[in-house]
């Protein structure tokens, strides 16, 4: 590999898009995964509009992280084309509406489990060999709302995702890959807007600034 390669699963908007943009500007090649084709195309347009000669290449991968066959094929393609990964960032998340635990909608509950837990559990075994080959780092983004009232579906599945990442972190501490769990500050994202509609967004942190803080700290 002559350039560093990053995989961002959940790169079409919010912090994931900001991280993909930040890395591309820094000269990384980025594989950007998301379900929203329009969001990926807007990300690509923003990077190209900067016109930076040293910017990295964006490979847009419009797919759902819950589609295990598609993700397996993507990881195989990364192996065949690049040989490995230097970075995997996993901001992909399903944000269920706030609800009392006694009124959980089972469709949202199932989707929360599929996206936030099952997909993470299926991606780690696929991506670990790529990170080992590239001496890379995996980054998970914590949002410690587990146990808070009305955050049942989101909080429980997000906490489960981070618990899985922590287990992987401890298991690989000596031989790699490196696993980092970062806690972003409050940002004016679509996720936060679902939780706190009508909030004054002016004091919130720009996702680009938060992306730079987290990635530069690595």
Protein backbone atom coordinates (compact mmCIF):
# COMPACT_ATOMS: atom_id res chain seq x y z
CA UNK A 1 0.00 0.00 0.00
CA UNK A 2 1.30 3.43 -0.94
CA UNK A 3 -1.52 5.43 0.66
CA UNK A 4 -3.42 4.98 3.89
CA UNK A 5 -6.89 3.49 3.53
CA UNK A 6 -9.89 4.06 5.81
CA UNK A 7 -13.28 2.36 5.85
CA UNK A 8 -16.14 4.47 7.24
CA UNK A 9 -19.34 2.52 7.82
CA UNK A 10 -22.04 5.19 8.13
CA UNK A 11 -20.45 7.97 6.08
CA UNK A 12 -23.37 9.80 4.45
CA UNK A 13 -24.12 12.39 7.11
CA UNK A 14 -23.23 13.76 10.55
CA UNK A 15 -19.98 12.74 12.19
CA UNK A 16 -19.37 9.86 9.79
CA UNK A 17 -19.44 12.17 6.77
CA UNK A 18 -17.26 14.71 8.58
CA UNK A 19 -14.71 12.00 9.35
CA UNK A 20 -14.64 10.78 5.76
CA UNK A 21 -14.16 14.35 4.54
CA UNK A 22 -11.43 15.05 7.10
CA UNK A 23 -9.48 11.93 6.17
CA UNK A 24 -9.77 12.56 2.43
CA UNK A 25 -8.52 16.13 2.88
CA UNK A 26 -5.58 14.71 4.85
CA UNK A 27 -4.67 12.50 1.90
CA UNK A 28 -6.27 9.23 2.95
CA UNK A 29 -8.11 7.03 0.51
CA UNK A 30 -11.58 6.41 1.96
CA UNK A 31 -14.18 3.72 1.33
CA UNK A 32 -17.42 5.43 2.37
CA UNK A 33 -20.33 3.10 3.17
CA UNK A 34 -23.93 4.22 3.71
CA UNK A 35 -27.45 3.41 2.57
CA UNK A 36 -28.12 7.00 1.44
CA UNK A 37 -26.74 7.41 -2.07
CA UNK A 38 -27.47 11.14 -2.12
CA UNK A 39 -25.52 11.71 1.08
CA UNK A 40 -22.49 9.87 -0.30
CA UNK A 41 -22.62 11.87 -3.52
CA UNK A 42 -22.80 15.13 -1.55
CA UNK A 43 -19.75 14.01 0.45
CA UNK A 44 -17.87 13.32 -2.79
CA UNK A 45 -18.91 16.70 -4.21
CA UNK A 46 -17.68 18.54 -1.11
CA UNK A 47 -14.26 16.91 -1.26
CA UNK A 48 -13.90 17.51 -5.01
CA UNK A 49 -15.03 21.14 -4.63
CA UNK A 50 -12.07 21.81 -2.35
CA UNK A 51 -9.75 21.10 -5.26
CA UNK A 52 -6.88 19.99 -3.05
CA UNK A 53 -4.10 18.34 -5.10
CA UNK A 54 -3.12 16.01 -2.26
CA UNK A 55 -6.63 14.87 -1.36
CA UNK A 56 -7.32 11.16 -1.15
CA UNK A 57 -9.72 9.21 -3.31
CA UNK A 58 -13.26 8.46 -2.19
CA UNK A 59 -14.78 5.11 -3.10
CA UNK A 60 -18.54 5.31 -2.57
CA UNK A 61 -20.18 2.07 -1.44
CA UNK A 62 -23.97 2.52 -1.20
CA UNK A 63 -24.97 -0.49 0.88
CA UNK A 64 -26.61 -1.42 4.18
CA UNK A 65 -24.31 -2.63 6.95
CA UNK A 66 -26.98 -5.16 7.93
CA UNK A 67 -26.57 -6.90 4.55
CA UNK A 68 -23.94 -9.44 5.55
CA UNK A 69 -23.39 -10.76 2.01
CA UNK A 70 -22.78 -7.25 0.67
CA UNK A 71 -20.37 -6.40 3.49
CA UNK A 72 -18.53 -9.69 3.02
CA UNK A 73 -18.13 -8.91 -0.68
CA UNK A 74 -16.90 -5.38 0.13
CA UNK A 75 -14.30 -6.66 2.58
CA UNK A 76 -13.09 -9.20 0.03
CA UNK A 77 -12.82 -6.42 -2.56
CA UNK A 78 -10.79 -4.29 -0.12
CA UNK A 79 -8.45 -7.23 0.45
CA UNK A 80 -8.02 -7.89 -3.25
CA UNK A 81 -7.49 -4.25 -4.22
CA UNK A 82 -5.59 -2.79 -1.26
CA UNK A 83 -4.48 -5.73 0.86
CA UNK A 84 -5.57 -4.27 4.18
CA UNK A 85 -6.89 -1.30 6.15
CA UNK A 86 -5.22 1.32 8.33
CA UNK A 87 -8.48 2.55 9.85
CA UNK A 88 -12.08 1.47 10.35
CA UNK A 89 -14.55 3.95 11.88
CA UNK A 90 -18.06 2.67 12.65
CA UNK A 91 -20.59 5.49 13.20
CA UNK A 92 -23.45 3.59 11.50
CA UNK A 93 -26.42 3.50 13.86
CA UNK A 94 -30.19 3.11 13.88
CA UNK A 95 -31.86 5.76 16.00
CA UNK A 96 -35.19 4.53 17.30
CA UNK A 97 -37.70 7.18 18.44
CA UNK A 98 -37.77 7.90 22.14
CA UNK A 99 -40.33 5.71 23.87
CA UNK A 100 -41.17 4.35 27.32
CA UNK A 101 -39.95 0.77 27.68
CA UNK A 102 -43.54 -0.35 28.07
CA UNK A 103 -44.41 0.98 24.62
CA UNK A 104 -41.46 -0.21 22.52
CA UNK A 105 -42.29 -0.58 18.85
CA UNK A 106 -41.05 -4.04 17.85
CA UNK A 107 -40.17 -2.94 14.32
CA UNK A 108 -37.83 -0.27 15.69
CA UNK A 109 -36.55 -2.67 18.34
CA UNK A 110 -35.67 -5.29 15.73
CA UNK A 111 -34.02 -2.71 13.48
CA UNK A 112 -32.01 -1.36 16.44
CA UNK A 113 -30.73 -4.85 17.21
CA UNK A 114 -29.98 -5.57 13.54
CA UNK A 115 -28.05 -2.34 12.92
CA UNK A 116 -26.48 -1.51 16.25
CA UNK A 117 -25.68 -5.02 17.51
CA UNK A 118 -25.87 -7.75 14.89
CA UNK A 119 -24.17 -5.75 12.14
CA UNK A 120 -21.32 -4.82 14.47
CA UNK A 121 -20.93 -8.44 15.51
CA UNK A 122 -20.79 -9.57 11.88
CA UNK A 123 -18.42 -6.78 10.76
CA UNK A 124 -15.71 -7.32 13.38
CA UNK A 125 -14.73 -10.83 12.14
CA UNK A 126 -14.76 -9.57 8.52
CA UNK A 127 -12.69 -6.45 9.16
CA UNK A 128 -10.25 -7.73 11.78
CA UNK A 129 -8.03 -9.54 9.22
CA UNK A 130 -7.89 -6.38 7.08
CA UNK A 131 -6.81 -4.30 10.08
CA UNK A 132 -4.19 -6.85 11.08
CA UNK A 133 -2.81 -6.85 7.53
CA UNK A 134 -2.69 -3.05 7.50
CA UNK A 135 -1.58 -2.61 11.14
CA UNK A 136 -4.75 -0.62 11.53
CA UNK A 137 -7.07 0.83 14.15
CA UNK A 138 -10.81 0.42 14.72
CA UNK A 139 -12.78 3.34 16.16
CA UNK A 140 -16.18 3.08 17.84
CA UNK A 141 -18.23 6.05 18.99
CA UNK A 142 -19.86 5.82 22.38
CA UNK A 143 -23.08 7.56 23.40
CA UNK A 144 -23.64 6.48 27.01
CA UNK A 145 -27.43 6.72 27.22
CA UNK A 146 -28.09 3.15 28.29
CA UNK A 147 -30.52 3.17 31.20
CA UNK A 148 -31.78 6.71 30.63
CA UNK A 149 -35.55 7.08 30.52
CA UNK A 150 -37.13 6.84 27.08
CA UNK A 151 -33.84 5.79 25.44
CA UNK A 152 -34.60 2.06 25.77
CA UNK A 153 -34.11 0.76 22.20
CA UNK A 154 -31.27 3.11 21.28
CA UNK A 155 -29.57 3.12 24.68
CA UNK A 156 -29.65 -0.64 25.19
CA UNK A 157 -28.38 -1.55 21.74
CA UNK A 158 -25.74 1.19 21.69
CA UNK A 159 -24.50 0.05 25.10
CA UNK A 160 -24.37 -3.51 23.79
CA UNK A 161 -22.37 -2.39 20.77
CA UNK A 162 -19.83 -0.64 22.97
CA UNK A 163 -19.63 -3.65 25.32
CA UNK A 164 -18.73 -5.80 22.30
CA UNK A 165 -16.12 -3.26 21.22
CA UNK A 166 -14.65 -3.25 24.73
CA UNK A 167 -14.35 -7.03 24.69
CA UNK A 168 -12.56 -6.84 21.33
CA UNK A 169 -10.35 -4.06 22.69
CA UNK A 170 -9.22 -6.18 25.65
CA UNK A 171 -8.73 -9.29 23.51
CA UNK A 172 -6.47 -7.51 21.01
CA UNK A 173 -4.58 -5.23 23.39
CA UNK A 174 -1.31 -7.18 23.03
CA UNK A 175 -1.30 -8.32 19.41
CA UNK A 176 -3.69 -5.92 17.63
CA UNK A 177 -5.58 -4.57 15.92
CA UNK A 178 -5.83 -1.46 18.04
CA UNK A 179 -9.40 -0.70 19.13
CA UNK A 180 -10.33 2.84 20.26
CA UNK A 181 -13.62 3.91 21.84
CA UNK A 182 -14.21 7.66 21.61
CA UNK A 183 -17.04 9.71 23.08
CA UNK A 184 -18.02 12.61 20.80
CA UNK A 185 -19.35 15.82 22.24
CA UNK A 186 -22.89 17.09 21.48
CA UNK A 187 -23.24 17.99 17.80
CA UNK A 188 -26.12 19.37 15.69
CA UNK A 189 -26.70 16.07 13.89
CA UNK A 190 -29.92 14.47 12.68
CA UNK A 191 -29.54 11.88 15.44
CA UNK A 192 -29.50 14.51 18.17
CA UNK A 193 -32.37 16.40 16.55
CA UNK A 194 -34.56 13.31 16.91
CA UNK A 195 -33.79 13.18 20.62
CA UNK A 196 -33.96 16.91 21.36
CA UNK A 197 -36.26 18.66 18.85
CA UNK A 198 -36.35 22.40 19.26
CA UNK A 199 -33.00 22.49 21.06
CA UNK A 200 -30.87 25.60 20.62
CA UNK A 201 -28.18 24.19 18.33
CA UNK A 202 -25.86 27.19 18.47
CA UNK A 203 -23.73 25.94 21.42
CA UNK A 204 -23.26 22.49 19.83
CA UNK A 205 -19.96 21.39 18.32
CA UNK A 206 -19.51 21.39 14.56
CA UNK A 207 -19.12 17.76 13.38
CA UNK A 208 -16.04 18.74 11.35
CA UNK A 209 -14.32 20.03 14.48
CA UNK A 210 -15.26 16.90 16.41
CA UNK A 211 -14.08 14.67 13.57
CA UNK A 212 -10.73 16.44 13.57
CA UNK A 213 -10.41 16.15 17.36
CA UNK A 214 -11.10 12.42 17.43
CA UNK A 215 -9.08 11.45 14.36
CA UNK A 216 -6.09 13.67 15.08
CA UNK A 217 -5.90 12.19 18.59
CA UNK A 218 -5.27 8.76 17.06
